[in-house]
Amino acid sequence: MPFLEVDPACTSQHCPRCGHTERANRPTRDQFQCRRCGLAGPADVVAGVNVSAARVSSRGRTPVG
């Protein structure tokens, strides 16, 4: 099955609402809270949203596999 490779760097520190990326957006290992806009939630969910958004924005690239 073909897939698109997405760089996971900073996906759990990047705010999908306002775009702010900062290590302090992760006050604990499991939680995300944006220091700029206040968006909060489980860090894994936020990372998944960011990976999904990166996948969608990379349409047109050649899939791997």
PDB file of N, CA and C in Angstrom:
ATOM      1  N   MET A   1       0.845  -1.175   0.000  1.00  0.00           N
ATOM      2  CA  MET A   1       0.000   0.000   0.000  1.00  0.00           C
ATOM      3  C   MET A   1       0.893   1.243   0.000  1.00  0.00           C
ATOM      4  N   PRO A   2       0.718   2.156  -0.930  1.00  0.00           N
ATOM      5  CA  PRO A   2       1.521   3.380  -0.974  1.00  0.00           C
ATOM      6  C   PRO A   2       1.214   4.286   0.221  1.00  0.00           C
ATOM      7  N   PHE A   3       2.188   5.037   0.634  1.00  0.00           N
ATOM      8  CA  PHE A   3       1.999   5.987   1.725  1.00  0.00           C
ATOM      9  C   PHE A   3       2.856   7.213   1.491  1.00  0.00           C
ATOM     10  N   LEU A   4       2.499   8.307   2.143  1.00  0.00           N
ATOM     11  CA  LEU A   4       3.310   9.528   2.085  1.00  0.00           C
ATOM     12  C   LEU A   4       4.081   9.644   3.378  1.00  0.00           C
ATOM     13  N   GLU A   5       5.357   9.871   3.266  1.00  0.00           N
ATOM     14  CA  GLU A   5       6.206  10.022   4.431  1.00  0.00           C
ATOM     15  C   GLU A   5       6.079  11.444   4.954  1.00  0.00           C
ATOM     16  N   VAL A   6       5.802  11.588   6.252  1.00  0.00           N
ATOM     17  CA  VAL A   6       5.649  12.896   6.890  1.00  0.00           C
ATOM     18  C   VAL A   6       6.704  13.017   7.984  1.00  0.00           C
ATOM     19  N   ASP A   7       7.436  14.111   7.986  1.00  0.00           N
ATOM     20  CA  ASP A   7       8.439  14.350   9.028  1.00  0.00           C
ATOM     21  C   ASP A   7       7.721  14.614  10.350  1.00  0.00           C
ATOM     22  N   PRO A   8       7.921  13.769  11.373  1.00  0.00           N
ATOM     23  CA  PRO A   8       7.216  13.923  12.631  1.00  0.00           C
ATOM     24  C   PRO A   8       7.805  14.993  13.557  1.00  0.00           C
ATOM     25  N   ALA A   9       8.909  15.616  13.159  1.00  0.00           N
ATOM     26  CA  ALA A   9       9.568  16.596  14.025  1.00  0.00           C
ATOM     27  C   ALA A   9       8.613  17.708  14.436  1.00  0.00           C
ATOM     28  N   CYS A  10       8.508  17.941  15.712  1.00  0.00           N
ATOM     29  CA  CYS A  10       7.725  19.033  16.312  1.00  0.00           C
ATOM     30  C   CYS A  10       6.214  18.896  16.129  1.00  0.00           C
ATOM     31  N   THR A  11       5.722  17.749  15.651  1.00  0.00           N
ATOM     32  CA  THR A  11       4.277  17.633  15.435  1.00  0.00           C
ATOM     33  C   THR A  11       3.491  17.725  16.729  1.00  0.00           C
ATOM     34  N   SER A  12       4.099  17.361  17.855  1.00  0.00           N
ATOM     35  CA  SER A  12       3.375  17.462  19.118  1.00  0.00           C
ATOM     36  C   SER A  12       3.675  18.774  19.854  1.00  0.00           C
ATOM     37  N   GLN A  13       4.455  19.650  19.244  1.00  0.00           N
ATOM     38  CA  GLN A  13       4.729  20.966  19.823  1.00  0.00           C
ATOM     39  C   GLN A  13       4.113  22.087  18.988  1.00  0.00           C
ATOM     40  N   HIS A  14       3.595  21.746  17.819  1.00  0.00           N
ATOM     41  CA  HIS A  14       3.036  22.720  16.869  1.00  0.00           C
ATOM     42  C   HIS A  14       1.534  22.841  17.068  1.00  0.00           C
ATOM     43  N   CYS A  15       1.027  24.060  17.195  1.00  0.00           N
ATOM     44  CA  CYS A  15      -0.404  24.285  17.381  1.00  0.00           C
ATOM     45  C   CYS A  15      -1.108  24.277  16.027  1.00  0.00           C
ATOM     46  N   PRO A  16      -2.082  23.365  15.844  1.00  0.00           N
ATOM     47  CA  PRO A  16      -2.783  23.323  14.567  1.00  0.00           C
ATOM     48  C   PRO A  16      -3.752  24.494  14.380  1.00  0.00           C
ATOM     49  N   ARG A  17      -4.065  25.204  15.458  1.00  0.00           N
ATOM     50  CA  ARG A  17      -4.986  26.347  15.356  1.00  0.00           C
ATOM     51  C   ARG A  17      -4.254  27.608  14.916  1.00  0.00           C
ATOM     52  N   CYS A  18      -3.181  27.986  15.628  1.00  0.00           N
ATOM     53  CA  CYS A  18      -2.525  29.273  15.338  1.00  0.00           C
ATOM     54  C   CYS A  18      -1.147  29.131  14.696  1.00  0.00           C
ATOM     55  N   GLY A  19      -0.597  27.908  14.667  1.00  0.00           N
ATOM     56  CA  GLY A  19       0.690  27.682  14.019  1.00  0.00           C
ATOM     57  C   GLY A  19       1.905  27.884  14.906  1.00  0.00           C
ATOM     58  N   HIS A  20       1.688  28.259  16.160  1.00  0.00           N
ATOM     59  CA  HIS A  20       2.802  28.499  17.084  1.00  0.00           C
ATOM     60  C   HIS A  20       3.470  27.180  17.469  1.00  0.00           C
ATOM     61  N   THR A  21       4.801  27.132  17.381  1.00  0.00           N
ATOM     62  CA  THR A  21       5.569  25.949  17.761  1.00  0.00           C
ATOM     63  C   THR A  21       6.555  26.335  18.849  1.00  0.00           C
ATOM     64  N   GLU A  22       6.472  25.625  19.960  1.00  0.00           N
ATOM     65  CA  GLU A  22       7.360  25.901  21.095  1.00  0.00           C
ATOM     66  C   GLU A  22       7.398  24.663  21.982  1.00  0.00           C
ATOM     67  N   ARG A  23       8.568  24.354  22.497  1.00  0.00           N
ATOM     68  CA  ARG A  23       8.707  23.204  23.392  1.00  0.00           C
ATOM     69  C   ARG A  23       7.791  23.348  24.611  1.00  0.00           C
ATOM     70  N   ALA A  24       7.581  24.564  25.087  1.00  0.00           N
ATOM     71  CA  ALA A  24       6.743  24.806  26.267  1.00  0.00           C
ATOM     72  C   ALA A  24       5.260  24.519  25.999  1.00  0.00           C
ATOM     73  N   ASN A  25       4.869  24.300  24.732  1.00  0.00           N
ATOM     74  CA  ASN A  25       3.496  23.907  24.435  1.00  0.00           C
ATOM     75  C   ASN A  25       3.181  22.522  24.992  1.00  0.00           C
ATOM     76  N   ARG A  26       4.203  21.805  25.435  1.00  0.00           N
ATOM     77  CA  ARG A  26       4.039  20.483  26.045  1.00  0.00           C
ATOM     78  C   ARG A  26       4.385  20.578  27.528  1.00  0.00           C
ATOM     79  N   PRO A  27       3.452  21.031  28.371  1.00  0.00           N
ATOM     80  CA  PRO A  27       3.761  21.170  29.793  1.00  0.00           C
ATOM     81  C   PRO A  27       4.043  19.824  30.474  1.00  0.00           C
ATOM     82  N   THR A  28       3.453  18.748  29.960  1.00  0.00           N
ATOM     83  CA  THR A  28       3.741  17.396  30.437  1.00  0.00           C
ATOM     84  C   THR A  28       3.897  16.503  29.225  1.00  0.00           C
ATOM     85  N   ARG A  29       4.322  15.297  29.456  1.00  0.00           N
ATOM     86  CA  ARG A  29       4.521  14.352  28.351  1.00  0.00           C
ATOM     87  C   ARG A  29       3.225  14.091  27.583  1.00  0.00           C
ATOM     88  N   ASP A  30       2.102  14.063  28.297  1.00  0.00           N
ATOM     89  CA  ASP A  30       0.830  13.678  27.689  1.00  0.00           C
ATOM     90  C   ASP A  30      -0.041  14.837  27.241  1.00  0.00           C
ATOM     91  N   GLN A  31       0.252  16.038  27.689  1.00  0.00           N
ATOM     92  CA  GLN A  31      -0.634  17.169  27.421  1.00  0.00           C
ATOM     93  C   GLN A  31      -0.007  18.198  26.490  1.00  0.00           C
ATOM     94  N   PHE A  32      -0.877  18.832  25.709  1.00  0.00           N
ATOM     95  CA  PHE A  32      -0.502  19.944  24.844  1.00  0.00           C
ATOM     96  C   PHE A  32      -1.315  21.155  25.282  1.00  0.00           C
ATOM     97  N   GLN A  33      -0.666  22.292  25.404  1.00  0.00           N
ATOM     98  CA  GLN A  33      -1.375  23.550  25.641  1.00  0.00           C
ATOM     99  C   GLN A  33      -0.589  24.671  24.976  1.00  0.00           C
ATOM    100  N   CYS A  34      -1.197  25.275  23.952  1.00  0.00           N
ATOM    101  CA  CYS A  34      -0.516  26.319  23.195  1.00  0.00           C
ATOM    102  C   CYS A  34      -0.324  27.554  24.066  1.00  0.00           C
ATOM    103  N   ARG A  35       0.893  28.043  24.115  1.00  0.00           N
ATOM    104  CA  ARG A  35       1.219  29.222  24.921  1.00  0.00           C
ATOM    105  C   ARG A  35       0.705  30.494  24.275  1.00  0.00           C
ATOM    106  N   ARG A  36       0.363  30.450  22.982  1.00  0.00           N
ATOM    107  CA  ARG A  36      -0.130  31.646  22.299  1.00  0.00           C
ATOM    108  C   ARG A  36      -1.662  31.716  22.318  1.00  0.00           C
ATOM    109  N   CYS A  37      -2.353  30.677  21.840  1.00  0.00           N
ATOM    110  CA  CYS A  37      -3.818  30.771  21.700  1.00  0.00           C
ATOM    111  C   CYS A  37      -4.595  29.984  22.748  1.00  0.00           C
ATOM    112  N   GLY A  38      -3.911  29.120  23.509  1.00  0.00           N
ATOM    113  CA  GLY A  38      -4.578  28.396  24.585  1.00  0.00           C
ATOM    114  C   GLY A  38      -5.190  27.057  24.202  1.00  0.00           C
ATOM    115  N   LEU A  39      -5.108  26.665  22.939  1.00  0.00           N
ATOM    116  CA  LEU A  39      -5.635  25.364  22.539  1.00  0.00           C
ATOM    117  C   LEU A  39      -5.011  24.283  23.414  1.00  0.00           C
ATOM    118  N   ALA A  40      -5.824  23.385  23.942  1.00  0.00           N
ATOM    119  CA  ALA A  40      -5.320  22.341  24.831  1.00  0.00           C
ATOM    120  C   ALA A  40      -5.933  21.003  24.464  1.00  0.00           C
ATOM    121  N   GLY A  41      -5.183  19.930  24.725  1.00  0.00           N
ATOM    122  CA  GLY A  41      -5.680  18.589  24.479  1.00  0.00           C
ATOM    123  C   GLY A  41      -4.560  17.580  24.631  1.00  0.00           C
ATOM    124  N   PRO A  42      -4.893  16.309  24.413  1.00  0.00           N
ATOM    125  CA  PRO A  42      -3.865  15.272  24.483  1.00  0.00           C
ATOM    126  C   PRO A  42      -2.799  15.482  23.399  1.00  0.00           C
ATOM    127  N   ALA A  43      -1.539  15.396  23.780  1.00  0.00           N
ATOM    128  CA  ALA A  43      -0.442  15.654  22.849  1.00  0.00           C
ATOM    129  C   ALA A  43      -0.473  14.708  21.650  1.00  0.00           C
ATOM    130  N   ASP A  44      -0.840  13.451  21.861  1.00  0.00           N
ATOM    131  CA  ASP A  44      -0.878  12.507  20.748  1.00  0.00           C
ATOM    132  C   ASP A  44      -1.961  12.875  19.734  1.00  0.00           C
ATOM    133  N   VAL A  45      -3.079  13.396  20.211  1.00  0.00           N
ATOM    134  CA  VAL A  45      -4.155  13.809  19.308  1.00  0.00           C
ATOM    135  C   VAL A  45      -3.710  15.017  18.488  1.00  0.00           C
ATOM    136  N   VAL A  46      -3.080  15.986  19.150  1.00  0.00           N
ATOM    137  CA  VAL A  46      -2.586  17.176  18.442  1.00  0.00           C
ATOM    138  C   VAL A  46      -1.552  16.771  17.395  1.00  0.00           C
ATOM    139  N   ALA A  47      -0.651  15.872  17.749  1.00  0.00           N
ATOM    140  CA  ALA A  47       0.352  15.405  16.786  1.00  0.00           C
ATOM    141  C   ALA A  47      -0.322  14.726  15.599  1.00  0.00           C
ATOM    142  N   GLY A  48      -1.358  13.928  15.860  1.00  0.00           N
ATOM    143  CA  GLY A  48      -2.086  13.267  14.779  1.00  0.00           C
ATOM    144  C   GLY A  48      -2.757  14.257  13.848  1.00  0.00           C
ATOM    145  N   VAL A  49      -3.327  15.306  14.404  1.00  0.00           N
ATOM    146  CA  VAL A  49      -3.948  16.357  13.588  1.00  0.00           C
ATOM    147  C   VAL A  49      -2.882  17.008  12.705  1.00  0.00           C
ATOM    148  N   ASN A  50      -1.725  17.288  13.281  1.00  0.00           N
ATOM    149  CA  ASN A  50      -0.649  17.920  12.509  1.00  0.00           C
ATOM    150  C   ASN A  50      -0.107  17.006  11.416  1.00  0.00           C
ATOM    151  N   VAL A  51       0.031  15.716  11.697  1.00  0.00           N
ATOM    152  CA  VAL A  51       0.498  14.767  10.684  1.00  0.00           C
ATOM    153  C   VAL A  51      -0.532  14.674   9.559  1.00  0.00           C
ATOM    154  N   SER A  52      -1.795  14.618   9.923  1.00  0.00           N
ATOM    155  CA  SER A  52      -2.855  14.555   8.913  1.00  0.00           C
ATOM    156  C   SER A  52      -2.852  15.801   8.032  1.00  0.00           C
ATOM    157  N   ALA A  53      -2.685  16.968   8.653  1.00  0.00           N
ATOM    158  CA  ALA A  53      -2.636  18.225   7.899  1.00  0.00           C
ATOM    159  C   ALA A  53      -1.421  18.249   6.968  1.00  0.00           C
ATOM    160  N   ALA A  54      -0.290  17.729   7.427  1.00  0.00           N
ATOM    161  CA  ALA A  54       0.913  17.678   6.585  1.00  0.00           C
ATOM    162  C   ALA A  54       0.690  16.741   5.407  1.00  0.00           C
ATOM    163  N   ARG A  55      -0.015  15.650   5.640  1.00  0.00           N
ATOM    164  CA  ARG A  55      -0.314  14.689   4.577  1.00  0.00           C
ATOM    165  C   ARG A  55      -1.197  15.341   3.513  1.00  0.00           C
ATOM    166  N   VAL A  56      -2.220  16.063   3.969  1.00  0.00           N
ATOM    167  CA  VAL A  56      -3.137  16.720   3.036  1.00  0.00           C
ATOM    168  C   VAL A  56      -2.412  17.805   2.247  1.00  0.00           C
ATOM    169  N   SER A  57      -1.548  18.563   2.912  1.00  0.00           N
ATOM    170  CA  SER A  57      -0.840  19.655   2.216  1.00  0.00           C
ATOM    171  C   SER A  57       0.220  19.119   1.256  1.00  0.00           C
ATOM    172  N   SER A  58       0.575  17.845   1.385  1.00  0.00           N
ATOM    173  CA  SER A  58       1.601  17.291   0.492  1.00  0.00           C
ATOM    174  C   SER A  58       0.998  16.531  -0.688  1.00  0.00           C
ATOM    175  N   ARG A  59      -0.294  16.641  -0.893  1.00  0.00           N
ATOM    176  CA  ARG A  59      -0.919  15.963  -2.051  1.00  0.00           C
ATOM    177  C   ARG A  59      -0.247  16.440  -3.324  1.00  0.00           C
ATOM    178  N   GLY A  60      -0.095  15.553  -4.215  1.00  0.00           N
ATOM    179  CA  GLY A  60       0.616  15.874  -5.449  1.00  0.00           C
ATOM    180  C   GLY A  60       2.035  15.329  -5.414  1.00  0.00           C
ATOM    181  N   ARG A  61       2.540  15.030  -4.212  1.00  0.00           N
ATOM    182  CA  ARG A  61       3.851  14.385  -4.108  1.00  0.00           C
ATOM    183  C   ARG A  61       3.700  12.920  -4.442  1.00  0.00           C
ATOM    184  N   THR A  62       4.775  12.294  -4.846  1.00  0.00           N
ATOM    185  CA  THR A  62       4.740  10.880  -5.197  1.00  0.00           C
ATOM    186  C   THR A  62       4.749  10.034  -3.931  1.00  0.00           C
ATOM    187  N   PRO A  63       3.758   9.135  -3.757  1.00  0.00           N
ATOM    188  CA  PRO A  63       3.740   8.254  -2.599  1.00  0.00           C
ATOM    189  C   PRO A  63       4.937   7.316  -2.599  1.00  0.00           C
ATOM    190  N   VAL A  64       5.331   6.907  -1.403  1.00  0.00           N
ATOM    191  CA  VAL A  64       6.417   5.946  -1.239  1.00  0.00           C
ATOM    192  C   VAL A  64       5.797   4.559  -1.180  1.00  0.00           C
ATOM    193  N   GLY A  65       6.420   3.576  -1.814  1.00  0.00           N
ATOM    194  CA  GLY A  65       5.939   2.197  -1.700  1.00  0.00           C
ATOM    195  C   GLY A  65       5.311   1.651  -2.894  1.00  0.00           C
TER     196      GLY A  65
END
